[in-house]
């Protein structure tokens, strides 16, 4: 039976266990007017860990010191947040493999 390689950890697994990961969640790309959400095939472990990583690192609001209050980020700002978080996740996983 053919195997598939996770695009993050490079583990070779059964293709039935691979999951499609939206680098930026589809609802965010839809609201930002981006017609297609970039995806990547990940093993189940990396897929779950990527979402945990997002929860810890992506914020939907930011503090505006001039207005002295929090404001919601625009959807385009959110796209950048998710892309940056995913890039950091891939870099982190790569550094774990080298250790």
PDB file of N, CA and C in Angstrom:
ATOM      1  N   UNK A   1       0.838  -1.176   0.000  1.00  0.00           N
ATOM      2  CA  UNK A   1       0.000   0.000   0.000  1.00  0.00           C
ATOM      3  C   UNK A   1       0.889   1.249   0.000  1.00  0.00           C
ATOM      4  N   UNK A   2       0.509   2.263  -0.764  1.00  0.00           N
ATOM      5  CA  UNK A   2       1.266   3.505  -0.859  1.00  0.00           C
ATOM      6  C   UNK A   2       1.219   4.257   0.465  1.00  0.00           C
ATOM      7  N   UNK A   3       2.283   4.979   0.737  1.00  0.00           N
ATOM      8  CA  UNK A   3       2.373   5.803   1.941  1.00  0.00           C
ATOM      9  C   UNK A   3       2.435   7.264   1.519  1.00  0.00           C
ATOM     10  N   UNK A   4       2.184   8.154   2.467  1.00  0.00           N
ATOM     11  CA  UNK A   4       2.230   9.582   2.203  1.00  0.00           C
ATOM     12  C   UNK A   4       3.069  10.250   3.290  1.00  0.00           C
ATOM     13  N   UNK A   5       3.773  11.302   2.926  1.00  0.00           N
ATOM     14  CA  UNK A   5       4.647  12.001   3.859  1.00  0.00           C
ATOM     15  C   UNK A   5       3.982  13.276   4.353  1.00  0.00           C
ATOM     16  N   UNK A   6       3.965  13.453   5.688  1.00  0.00           N
ATOM     17  CA  UNK A   6       3.449  14.683   6.285  1.00  0.00           C
ATOM     18  C   UNK A   6       4.341  15.839   5.852  1.00  0.00           C
ATOM     19  N   UNK A   7       3.748  16.938   5.471  1.00  0.00           N
ATOM     20  CA  UNK A   7       4.499  18.091   4.969  1.00  0.00           C
ATOM     21  C   UNK A   7       5.196  18.876   6.075  1.00  0.00           C
ATOM     22  N   UNK A   8       4.914  18.548   7.341  1.00  0.00           N
ATOM     23  CA  UNK A   8       5.550  19.258   8.448  1.00  0.00           C
ATOM     24  C   UNK A   8       6.597  18.399   9.138  1.00  0.00           C
ATOM     25  N   UNK A   9       6.216  17.209   9.589  1.00  0.00           N
ATOM     26  CA  UNK A   9       7.151  16.373  10.371  1.00  0.00           C
ATOM     27  C   UNK A   9       7.888  15.346   9.510  1.00  0.00           C
ATOM     28  N   UNK A  10       7.471  15.193   8.265  1.00  0.00           N
ATOM     29  CA  UNK A  10       8.074  14.250   7.313  1.00  0.00           C
ATOM     30  C   UNK A  10       7.890  12.786   7.677  1.00  0.00           C
ATOM     31  N   UNK A  11       7.000  12.496   8.624  1.00  0.00           N
ATOM     32  CA  UNK A  11       6.687  11.104   8.923  1.00  0.00           C
ATOM     33  C   UNK A  11       5.929  10.495   7.753  1.00  0.00           C
ATOM     34  N   UNK A  12       6.239   9.256   7.433  1.00  0.00           N
ATOM     35  CA  UNK A  12       5.576   8.539   6.354  1.00  0.00           C
ATOM     36  C   UNK A  12       4.464   7.713   6.988  1.00  0.00           C
ATOM     37  N   UNK A  13       3.217   7.983   6.551  1.00  0.00           N
ATOM     38  CA  UNK A  13       2.048   7.346   7.171  1.00  0.00           C
ATOM     39  C   UNK A  13       1.078   6.874   6.095  1.00  0.00           C
ATOM     40  N   UNK A  14       0.094   6.123   6.529  1.00  0.00           N
ATOM     41  CA  UNK A  14      -0.986   5.670   5.655  1.00  0.00           C
ATOM     42  C   UNK A  14      -1.758   6.895   5.169  1.00  0.00           C
ATOM     43  N   UNK A  15      -2.025   7.021   3.871  1.00  0.00           N
ATOM     44  CA  UNK A  15      -2.730   8.194   3.348  1.00  0.00           C
ATOM     45  C   UNK A  15      -4.109   8.405   3.970  1.00  0.00           C
ATOM     46  N   UNK A  16      -4.732   7.345   4.452  1.00  0.00           N
ATOM     47  CA  UNK A  16      -6.048   7.487   5.076  1.00  0.00           C
ATOM     48  C   UNK A  16      -5.985   8.252   6.392  1.00  0.00           C
ATOM     49  N   UNK A  17      -4.801   8.357   6.974  1.00  0.00           N
ATOM     50  CA  UNK A  17      -4.663   9.075   8.239  1.00  0.00           C
ATOM     51  C   UNK A  17      -4.261  10.530   8.038  1.00  0.00           C
ATOM     52  N   UNK A  18      -3.991  10.934   6.808  1.00  0.00           N
ATOM     53  CA  UNK A  18      -3.611  12.316   6.513  1.00  0.00           C
ATOM     54  C   UNK A  18      -4.851  13.201   6.520  1.00  0.00           C
ATOM     55  N   UNK A  19      -4.653  14.466   6.892  1.00  0.00           N
ATOM     56  CA  UNK A  19      -5.755  15.416   6.967  1.00  0.00           C
ATOM     57  C   UNK A  19      -5.395  16.693   6.224  1.00  0.00           C
ATOM     58  N   UNK A  20      -6.389  17.294   5.596  1.00  0.00           N
ATOM     59  CA  UNK A  20      -6.204  18.547   4.867  1.00  0.00           C
ATOM     60  C   UNK A  20      -6.257  19.695   5.877  1.00  0.00           C
ATOM     61  N   UNK A  21      -5.185  20.476   5.941  1.00  0.00           N
ATOM     62  CA  UNK A  21      -5.114  21.601   6.879  1.00  0.00           C
ATOM     63  C   UNK A  21      -5.195  22.912   6.111  1.00  0.00           C
ATOM     64  N   UNK A  22      -6.130  23.770   6.513  1.00  0.00           N
ATOM     65  CA  UNK A  22      -6.237  25.117   5.941  1.00  0.00           C
ATOM     66  C   UNK A  22      -5.270  26.006   6.718  1.00  0.00           C
ATOM     67  N   UNK A  23      -4.253  26.526   6.049  1.00  0.00           N
ATOM     68  CA  UNK A  23      -3.258  27.357   6.711  1.00  0.00           C
ATOM     69  C   UNK A  23      -3.940  28.582   7.326  1.00  0.00           C
ATOM     70  N   UNK A  24      -4.864  29.158   6.605  1.00  0.00           N
ATOM     71  CA  UNK A  24      -5.738  30.196   7.145  1.00  0.00           C
ATOM     72  C   UNK A  24      -7.141  29.608   7.108  1.00  0.00           C
ATOM     73  N   UNK A  25      -7.846  29.610   8.247  1.00  0.00           N
ATOM     74  CA  UNK A  25      -9.192  29.014   8.251  1.00  0.00           C
ATOM     75  C   UNK A  25     -10.078  29.577   7.144  1.00  0.00           C
ATOM     76  N   UNK A  26     -10.879  28.707   6.596  1.00  0.00           N
ATOM     77  CA  UNK A  26     -11.717  29.072   5.448  1.00  0.00           C
ATOM     78  C   UNK A  26     -12.622  30.273   5.759  1.00  0.00           C
ATOM     79  N   UNK A  27     -13.193  30.353   6.964  1.00  0.00           N
ATOM     80  CA  UNK A  27     -14.079  31.478   7.277  1.00  0.00           C
ATOM     81  C   UNK A  27     -13.322  32.810   7.230  1.00  0.00           C
ATOM     82  N   UNK A  28     -12.052  32.813   7.604  1.00  0.00           N
ATOM     83  CA  UNK A  28     -11.252  34.036   7.562  1.00  0.00           C
ATOM     84  C   UNK A  28     -10.946  34.411   6.115  1.00  0.00           C
ATOM     85  N   UNK A  29     -10.551  33.440   5.285  1.00  0.00           N
ATOM     86  CA  UNK A  29     -10.256  33.762   3.880  1.00  0.00           C
ATOM     87  C   UNK A  29     -11.525  34.199   3.152  1.00  0.00           C
ATOM     88  N   UNK A  30     -12.661  33.577   3.475  1.00  0.00           N
ATOM     89  CA  UNK A  30     -13.929  33.989   2.855  1.00  0.00           C
ATOM     90  C   UNK A  30     -14.231  35.452   3.173  1.00  0.00           C
ATOM     91  N   UNK A  31     -14.102  35.815   4.453  1.00  0.00           N
ATOM     92  CA  UNK A  31     -14.390  37.194   4.867  1.00  0.00           C
ATOM     93  C   UNK A  31     -13.367  38.185   4.308  1.00  0.00           C
ATOM     94  N   UNK A  32     -12.138  37.735   4.093  1.00  0.00           N
ATOM     95  CA  UNK A  32     -11.094  38.606   3.544  1.00  0.00           C
ATOM     96  C   UNK A  32     -11.211  38.732   2.023  1.00  0.00           C
ATOM     97  N   UNK A  33     -12.117  37.951   1.423  1.00  0.00           N
ATOM     98  CA  UNK A  33     -12.294  38.008  -0.019  1.00  0.00           C
ATOM     99  C   UNK A  33     -11.254  37.222  -0.787  1.00  0.00           C
ATOM    100  N   UNK A  34     -10.622  36.276  -0.131  1.00  0.00           N
ATOM    101  CA  UNK A  34      -9.626  35.426  -0.789  1.00  0.00           C
ATOM    102  C   UNK A  34     -10.357  34.184  -1.290  1.00  0.00           C
ATOM    103  N   UNK A  35     -10.368  33.960  -2.610  1.00  0.00           N
ATOM    104  CA  UNK A  35     -11.209  32.898  -3.164  1.00  0.00           C
ATOM    105  C   UNK A  35     -10.821  31.481  -2.768  1.00  0.00           C
ATOM    106  N   UNK A  36      -9.542  31.221  -2.547  1.00  0.00           N
ATOM    107  CA  UNK A  36      -9.121  29.860  -2.204  1.00  0.00           C
ATOM    108  C   UNK A  36      -8.218  29.893  -0.990  1.00  0.00           C
ATOM    109  N   UNK A  37      -8.506  29.021  -0.052  1.00  0.00           N
ATOM    110  CA  UNK A  37      -7.686  28.901   1.135  1.00  0.00           C
ATOM    111  C   UNK A  37      -6.563  27.915   0.853  1.00  0.00           C
ATOM    112  N   UNK A  38      -5.328  28.310   1.131  1.00  0.00           N
ATOM    113  CA  UNK A  38      -4.181  27.432   0.908  1.00  0.00           C
ATOM    114  C   UNK A  38      -4.247  26.267   1.895  1.00  0.00           C
ATOM    115  N   UNK A  39      -4.056  25.065   1.390  1.00  0.00           N
ATOM    116  CA  UNK A  39      -4.102  23.879   2.240  1.00  0.00           C
ATOM    117  C   UNK A  39      -2.810  23.090   2.132  1.00  0.00           C
ATOM    118  N   UNK A  40      -2.625  22.216   3.102  1.00  0.00           N
ATOM    119  CA  UNK A  40      -1.458  21.352   3.131  1.00  0.00           C
ATOM    120  C   UNK A  40      -1.875  20.047   3.800  1.00  0.00           C
ATOM    121  N   UNK A  41      -1.384  18.922   3.316  1.00  0.00           N
ATOM    122  CA  UNK A  41      -1.723  17.621   3.910  1.00  0.00           C
ATOM    123  C   UNK A  41      -0.777  17.330   5.058  1.00  0.00           C
ATOM    124  N   UNK A  42      -1.371  17.109   6.237  1.00  0.00           N
ATOM    125  CA  UNK A  42      -0.601  16.842   7.448  1.00  0.00           C
ATOM    126  C   UNK A  42      -1.056  15.543   8.074  1.00  0.00           C
ATOM    127  N   UNK A  43      -0.148  14.926   8.830  1.00  0.00           N
ATOM    128  CA  UNK A  43      -0.564  13.770   9.620  1.00  0.00           C
ATOM    129  C   UNK A  43      -1.515  14.279  10.715  1.00  0.00           C
ATOM    130  N   UNK A  44      -2.285  13.380  11.282  1.00  0.00           N
ATOM    131  CA  UNK A  44      -3.279  13.762  12.291  1.00  0.00           C
ATOM    132  C   UNK A  44      -2.625  14.462  13.480  1.00  0.00           C
ATOM    133  N   UNK A  45      -1.450  14.001  13.898  1.00  0.00           N
ATOM    134  CA  UNK A  45      -0.774  14.615  15.043  1.00  0.00           C
ATOM    135  C   UNK A  45      -0.380  16.064  14.749  1.00  0.00           C
ATOM    136  N   UNK A  46       0.231  16.305  13.604  1.00  0.00           N
ATOM    137  CA  UNK A  46       0.627  17.668  13.240  1.00  0.00           C
ATOM    138  C   UNK A  46      -0.590  18.560  13.036  1.00  0.00           C
ATOM    139  N   UNK A  47      -1.656  18.008  12.474  1.00  0.00           N
ATOM    140  CA  UNK A  47      -2.861  18.795  12.257  1.00  0.00           C
ATOM    141  C   UNK A  47      -3.431  19.269  13.597  1.00  0.00           C
ATOM    142  N   UNK A  48      -3.516  18.372  14.543  1.00  0.00           N
ATOM    143  CA  UNK A  48      -4.027  18.740  15.871  1.00  0.00           C
ATOM    144  C   UNK A  48      -3.093  19.750  16.543  1.00  0.00           C
ATOM    145  N   UNK A  49      -1.788  19.515  16.440  1.00  0.00           N
ATOM    146  CA  UNK A  49      -0.818  20.413  17.062  1.00  0.00           C
ATOM    147  C   UNK A  49      -0.843  21.805  16.416  1.00  0.00           C
ATOM    148  N   UNK A  50      -1.057  21.875  15.110  1.00  0.00           N
ATOM    149  CA  UNK A  50      -1.142  23.174  14.428  1.00  0.00           C
ATOM    150  C   UNK A  50      -2.313  23.984  14.970  1.00  0.00           C
ATOM    151  N   UNK A  51      -3.449  23.341  15.193  1.00  0.00           N
ATOM    152  CA  UNK A  51      -4.605  24.062  15.733  1.00  0.00           C
ATOM    153  C   UNK A  51      -4.372  24.496  17.175  1.00  0.00           C
ATOM    154  N   UNK A  52      -3.677  23.688  17.948  1.00  0.00           N
ATOM    155  CA  UNK A  52      -3.317  24.079  19.318  1.00  0.00           C
ATOM    156  C   UNK A  52      -2.371  25.276  19.269  1.00  0.00           C
ATOM    157  N   UNK A  53      -1.435  25.233  18.340  1.00  0.00           N
ATOM    158  CA  UNK A  53      -0.476  26.331  18.133  1.00  0.00           C
ATOM    159  C   UNK A  53      -1.232  27.617  17.807  1.00  0.00           C
ATOM    160  N   UNK A  54      -2.211  27.533  16.906  1.00  0.00           N
ATOM    161  CA  UNK A  54      -3.011  28.710  16.541  1.00  0.00           C
ATOM    162  C   UNK A  54      -3.719  29.285  17.757  1.00  0.00           C
ATOM    163  N   UNK A  55      -4.336  28.425  18.552  1.00  0.00           N
ATOM    164  CA  UNK A  55      -5.081  28.879  19.725  1.00  0.00           C
ATOM    165  C   UNK A  55      -4.180  29.686  20.652  1.00  0.00           C
ATOM    166  N   UNK A  56      -2.935  29.265  20.792  1.00  0.00           N
ATOM    167  CA  UNK A  56      -2.000  29.943  21.687  1.00  0.00           C
ATOM    168  C   UNK A  56      -1.398  31.209  21.088  1.00  0.00           C
ATOM    169  N   UNK A  57      -1.389  31.341  19.757  1.00  0.00           N
ATOM    170  CA  UNK A  57      -0.635  32.435  19.145  1.00  0.00           C
ATOM    171  C   UNK A  57      -1.428  33.423  18.306  1.00  0.00           C
ATOM    172  N   UNK A  58      -2.621  33.079  17.885  1.00  0.00           N
ATOM    173  CA  UNK A  58      -3.383  33.979  17.015  1.00  0.00           C
ATOM    174  C   UNK A  58      -4.438  34.697  17.853  1.00  0.00           C
ATOM    175  N   UNK A  59      -4.394  35.991  17.817  1.00  0.00           N
ATOM    176  CA  UNK A  59      -5.348  36.820  18.557  1.00  0.00           C
ATOM    177  C   UNK A  59      -6.262  37.551  17.570  1.00  0.00           C
ATOM    178  N   UNK A  60      -7.523  37.563  17.861  1.00  0.00           N
ATOM    179  CA  UNK A  60      -8.491  38.222  16.983  1.00  0.00           C
ATOM    180  C   UNK A  60      -8.681  39.694  17.341  1.00  0.00           C
ATOM    181  N   UNK A  61      -8.077  40.103  18.440  1.00  0.00           N
ATOM    182  CA  UNK A  61      -8.144  41.507  18.835  1.00  0.00           C
ATOM    183  C   UNK A  61      -6.734  41.991  19.160  1.00  0.00           C
ATOM    184  N   UNK A  62      -6.592  43.315  19.186  1.00  0.00           N
ATOM    185  CA  UNK A  62      -5.326  43.894  19.630  1.00  0.00           C
ATOM    186  C   UNK A  62      -5.631  45.181  20.357  1.00  0.00           C
ATOM    187  N   UNK A  63      -4.741  45.524  21.255  1.00  0.00           N
ATOM    188  CA  UNK A  63      -4.939  46.721  22.059  1.00  0.00           C
ATOM    189  C   UNK A  63      -4.492  47.946  21.283  1.00  0.00           C
ATOM    190  N   UNK A  64      -5.369  48.951  21.236  1.00  0.00           N
ATOM    191  CA  UNK A  64      -5.073  50.222  20.581  1.00  0.00           C
ATOM    192  C   UNK A  64      -4.751  51.233  21.685  1.00  0.00           C
ATOM    193  N   UNK A  65      -3.471  51.552  21.876  1.00  0.00           N
ATOM    194  CA  UNK A  65      -3.110  52.442  22.983  1.00  0.00           C
ATOM    195  C   UNK A  65      -3.669  53.860  22.829  1.00  0.00           C
ATOM    196  N   UNK A  66      -3.860  54.323  21.590  1.00  0.00           N
ATOM    197  CA  UNK A  66      -4.412  55.660  21.382  1.00  0.00           C
ATOM    198  C   UNK A  66      -5.867  55.738  21.844  1.00  0.00           C
ATOM    199  N   UNK A  67      -6.633  54.694  21.510  1.00  0.00           N
ATOM    200  CA  UNK A  67      -8.042  54.662  21.905  1.00  0.00           C
ATOM    201  C   UNK A  67      -8.231  54.059  23.293  1.00  0.00           C
ATOM    202  N   UNK A  68      -7.167  53.463  23.834  1.00  0.00           N
ATOM    203  CA  UNK A  68      -7.208  52.805  25.145  1.00  0.00           C
ATOM    204  C   UNK A  68      -8.287  51.729  25.219  1.00  0.00           C
ATOM    205  N   UNK A  69      -8.332  50.942  24.157  1.00  0.00           N
ATOM    206  CA  UNK A  69      -9.286  49.834  24.124  1.00  0.00           C
ATOM    207  C   UNK A  69      -8.829  48.789  23.117  1.00  0.00           C
ATOM    208  N   UNK A  70      -9.423  47.619  23.214  1.00  0.00           N
ATOM    209  CA  UNK A  70      -9.143  46.566  22.253  1.00  0.00           C
ATOM    210  C   UNK A  70      -9.990  46.791  21.014  1.00  0.00           C
ATOM    211  N   UNK A  71      -9.449  46.405  19.876  1.00  0.00           N
ATOM    212  CA  UNK A  71     -10.207  46.469  18.626  1.00  0.00           C
ATOM    213  C   UNK A  71     -10.079  45.129  17.927  1.00  0.00           C
ATOM    214  N   UNK A  72     -11.096  44.777  17.159  1.00  0.00           N
ATOM    215  CA  UNK A  72     -11.037  43.556  16.351  1.00  0.00           C
ATOM    216  C   UNK A  72     -10.085  43.785  15.190  1.00  0.00           C
ATOM    217  N   UNK A  73      -9.274  42.802  14.912  1.00  0.00           N
ATOM    218  CA  UNK A  73      -8.388  42.884  13.755  1.00  0.00           C
ATOM    219  C   UNK A  73      -9.214  42.685  12.490  1.00  0.00           C
ATOM    220  N   UNK A  74      -8.752  43.284  11.400  1.00  0.00           N
ATOM    221  CA  UNK A  74      -9.419  43.074  10.120  1.00  0.00           C
ATOM    222  C   UNK A  74      -9.147  41.641   9.659  1.00  0.00           C
ATOM    223  N   UNK A  75      -9.957  41.179   8.722  1.00  0.00           N
ATOM    224  CA  UNK A  75      -9.746  39.823   8.214  1.00  0.00           C
ATOM    225  C   UNK A  75      -8.410  39.697   7.492  1.00  0.00           C
ATOM    226  N   UNK A  76      -7.968  40.754   6.824  1.00  0.00           N
ATOM    227  CA  UNK A  76      -6.660  40.692   6.177  1.00  0.00           C
ATOM    228  C   UNK A  76      -5.538  40.623   7.211  1.00  0.00           C
ATOM    229  N   UNK A  77      -5.690  41.316   8.341  1.00  0.00           N
ATOM    230  CA  UNK A  77      -4.707  41.195   9.421  1.00  0.00           C
ATOM    231  C   UNK A  77      -4.697  39.762   9.955  1.00  0.00           C
ATOM    232  N   UNK A  78      -5.880  39.162  10.055  1.00  0.00           N
ATOM    233  CA  UNK A  78      -5.989  37.792  10.554  1.00  0.00           C
ATOM    234  C   UNK A  78      -5.303  36.806   9.607  1.00  0.00           C
ATOM    235  N   UNK A  79      -5.432  37.035   8.302  1.00  0.00           N
ATOM    236  CA  UNK A  79      -4.750  36.177   7.328  1.00  0.00           C
ATOM    237  C   UNK A  79      -3.255  36.186   7.620  1.00  0.00           C
ATOM    238  N   UNK A  80      -2.695  37.368   7.819  1.00  0.00           N
ATOM    239  CA  UNK A  80      -1.275  37.479   8.139  1.00  0.00           C
ATOM    240  C   UNK A  80      -0.916  36.786   9.439  1.00  0.00           C
ATOM    241  N   UNK A  81      -1.791  36.903  10.449  1.00  0.00           N
ATOM    242  CA  UNK A  81      -1.546  36.244  11.743  1.00  0.00           C
ATOM    243  C   UNK A  81      -1.461  34.726  11.575  1.00  0.00           C
ATOM    244  N   UNK A  82      -2.428  34.160  10.858  1.00  0.00           N
ATOM    245  CA  UNK A  82      -2.439  32.699  10.662  1.00  0.00           C
ATOM    246  C   UNK A  82      -1.244  32.239   9.833  1.00  0.00           C
ATOM    247  N   UNK A  83      -0.909  32.973   8.782  1.00  0.00           N
ATOM    248  CA  UNK A  83       0.235  32.589   7.958  1.00  0.00           C
ATOM    249  C   UNK A  83       1.525  32.640   8.772  1.00  0.00           C
ATOM    250  N   UNK A  84       1.671  33.664   9.573  1.00  0.00           N
ATOM    251  CA  UNK A  84       2.853  33.799  10.416  1.00  0.00           C
ATOM    252  C   UNK A  84       2.917  32.685  11.466  1.00  0.00           C
ATOM    253  N   UNK A  85       1.780  32.378  12.081  1.00  0.00           N
ATOM    254  CA  UNK A  85       1.736  31.314  13.089  1.00  0.00           C
ATOM    255  C   UNK A  85       2.079  29.966  12.461  1.00  0.00           C
ATOM    256  N   UNK A  86       1.571  29.705  11.259  1.00  0.00           N
ATOM    257  CA  UNK A  86       1.870  28.436  10.608  1.00  0.00           C
ATOM    258  C   UNK A  86       3.349  28.338  10.244  1.00  0.00           C
ATOM    259  N   UNK A  87       3.920  29.429   9.749  1.00  0.00           N
ATOM    260  CA  UNK A  87       5.352  29.434   9.415  1.00  0.00           C
ATOM    261  C   UNK A  87       6.196  29.163  10.659  1.00  0.00           C
ATOM    262  N   UNK A  88       5.813  29.770  11.778  1.00  0.00           N
ATOM    263  CA  UNK A  88       6.538  29.539  13.032  1.00  0.00           C
ATOM    264  C   UNK A  88       6.383  28.088  13.480  1.00  0.00           C
ATOM    265  N   UNK A  89       5.201  27.518  13.284  1.00  0.00           N
ATOM    266  CA  UNK A  89       4.953  26.128  13.652  1.00  0.00           C
ATOM    267  C   UNK A  89       5.846  25.188  12.831  1.00  0.00           C
ATOM    268  N   UNK A  90       5.911  25.413  11.532  1.00  0.00           N
ATOM    269  CA  UNK A  90       6.744  24.572  10.661  1.00  0.00           C
ATOM    270  C   UNK A  90       8.215  24.690  11.068  1.00  0.00           C
ATOM    271  N   UNK A  91       8.656  25.907  11.357  1.00  0.00           N
ATOM    272  CA  UNK A  91      10.043  26.121  11.778  1.00  0.00           C
ATOM    273  C   UNK A  91      10.309  25.400  13.102  1.00  0.00           C
ATOM    274  N   UNK A  92       9.380  25.507  14.036  1.00  0.00           N
ATOM    275  CA  UNK A  92       9.505  24.830  15.332  1.00  0.00           C
ATOM    276  C   UNK A  92       9.601  23.315  15.140  1.00  0.00           C
ATOM    277  N   UNK A  93       8.705  22.741  14.340  1.00  0.00           N
ATOM    278  CA  UNK A  93       8.723  21.293  14.115  1.00  0.00           C
ATOM    279  C   UNK A  93      10.033  20.868  13.453  1.00  0.00           C
ATOM    280  N   UNK A  94      10.529  21.683  12.527  1.00  0.00           N
ATOM    281  CA  UNK A  94      11.793  21.368  11.867  1.00  0.00           C
ATOM    282  C   UNK A  94      12.951  21.368  12.848  1.00  0.00           C
ATOM    283  N   UNK A  95      12.944  22.306  13.792  1.00  0.00           N
ATOM    284  CA  UNK A  95      14.015  22.356  14.780  1.00  0.00           C
ATOM    285  C   UNK A  95      13.951  21.154  15.722  1.00  0.00           C
ATOM    286  N   UNK A  96      12.772  20.620  15.978  1.00  0.00           N
ATOM    287  CA  UNK A  96      12.630  19.433  16.821  1.00  0.00           C
ATOM    288  C   UNK A  96      13.237  18.213  16.128  1.00  0.00           C
ATOM    289  N   UNK A  97      13.093  18.143  14.831  1.00  0.00           N
ATOM    290  CA  UNK A  97      13.614  16.996  14.078  1.00  0.00           C
ATOM    291  C   UNK A  97      15.134  16.977  14.074  1.00  0.00           C
ATOM    292  N   UNK A  98      15.740  18.146  14.080  1.00  0.00           N
ATOM    293  CA  UNK A  98      17.206  18.243  14.037  1.00  0.00           C
ATOM    294  C   UNK A  98      17.825  17.959  15.401  1.00  0.00           C
ATOM    295  N   UNK A  99      17.008  18.068  16.464  1.00  0.00           N
ATOM    296  CA  UNK A  99      17.540  17.853  17.826  1.00  0.00           C
ATOM    297  C   UNK A  99      17.742  16.397  18.133  1.00  0.00           C
TER     298      UNK A  99
END
